[in-house]
Amino acid sequence: MNFPDFININKDWAYGSIELGQKVVCDGLVKSKNDLVVYSHAHEDHVNNTLIAQAYIQDKNVVMSEITRELCSSYMTVNLDYDFNLKVIPNDELVEFENVSIKLLEAKHILGSSQIEVHDKKYGKIGYSGDFGEDVFDTIDVDFLVLDSTYSGDFQNRKWSMEYALECLIDDIQSNLGKQDINLIADSGLLQFILHNLNIWSDFPEVISGKKEKGWSEVYSKHQYNQPKKFAIKGSDEERQLKMTNPTVITVGHNRSILNEIPKGLTYIVKNIGIENEEPINQINENLKRVGLSSHATGTNVVDYVDKVKPSYVITDSSRSSNNAKKLAELIGGQLGIPAISYDEMREITD
C-alpha cells in the first residue's frame, strides 16, 4: 500500500502536531520548514501561549477563526489583537497564502471550532477534521483526511442520544436548585452550552467561577448564548459576600480544581464517561453524579462524517488515543470501504 508520506503527526509537544504537506501545521508546534500554523479551536490541548509565541518568534502566520481568537484572548497572554502574523479568516472562504490556500468550516464542537481544508499546490487537497461534534452539515472537500479519533473507536453501543443526556441533566439540575449548593463541572464550551440551556439566570443571576470560565461565558454571551449575569471569582470578596447572603450557591468550572476537596452540595461531573450505561446520569453517592455528555461526535456519527467528506484516504490521529485510532480506522475500512490506517500503524510499516 502506498502511504501519503506528506502527512505527519509529530508528538513533539503535549499532544501532537498535524503536518499537512510541507507548509501547514495544525494544532501544534510550527517548524522552520513550515509557513503557517492553523488552530482548529480554543481548547488548550490544541492551542496555548507557548505555541503561538513560538510561531510569532519565527515570523510564521498564525491562522484561526474569529471566535477562536476571542476565546483564546479571554485567557491567553500572547497578543491576539494586533500581531502582524495573526490571520483571522472567515468560515467557508478560501484564503490564499504562499503556495497554499486555507479554508475553515464549522465543526460543531465548541464555538469557533473548525474543520481545516488545505489546498497545496504540490500535494493537492488535504484536510484535518479537528475535534468535531454531531451533525456537521458542511464538510471539507479533501482527498486525504486526518481524522480526530479521541472518542471514535469505542462507544458504538450508546443507548441514548446526546440530546436526551442534555435534557436529563437540565431537568436534574433544575429540580435541585435552591435546595442545596450546585457544582457543575464540564469542559470549556460544553459548560457554556449547558449554562445556555439551563435558562435560569433571571432567578439565579450569579455564579462562582474562575477567570477563564467568566471569560468564555462573556464570549458565548456576545454570540447570543444565555449565560449567568454575574460571576463571583473563586477566592474573591464577591464570592464570600455571595455565600453570606444566599442560602445556596452555584459554582461552575471547567475542571474540579475550582472545588474544595470535599465540596458542599451536589456536584455534577460532565464527561464522556459511562456512555454505554443504561442511563446518561449515574449517581456515585448522595453528593456526586456523573453525566455522560460530550461535545465530540461518537460512534456512528464519526463514520457518517467520513462518508460525507468522501476522501480517498483516511489517517486516524493517534496522538490522543492509539487504541481508538486503530479501531476507528478498521471501522471506516469495513463500513465505507475507504482505505484507512492509524498514524502509529502507518509509521510502523514505513519506518
Foldseek 3Di string as FASTA:
>chain_A
DDDDPQWDWDPPDDFTWTGRGQAEIEQDADDLSHQAYEYQAQDVSRDAQVRVVNCVVSVHAYEFAPLRLQLRVLPHDDDSDDRPRYDHDHAPDWDDDVQKTWHWHDQQQFPRGTKIWMAGPVPGIETESGFHFFDRPDDYAGQEYAYEQQAALDLQQFPDDLVVLLVVVLVVVVVCPPVAAEEEEAAQRVLLQSQLVNPCQVPAQEAEEASSNVSSNVSVVVVPRDHRNYYDYQPDPVVVVVVVVGVYHYYYYHDCPSADPDHIAAYEHEELPPRNPPGQWDDPDPRYIYGNHHSGYYHVSSLVNCVNNVHQEYEYEPSNPVVSRQSNQVVNCVPVVRRYHYNVVVVVVPD
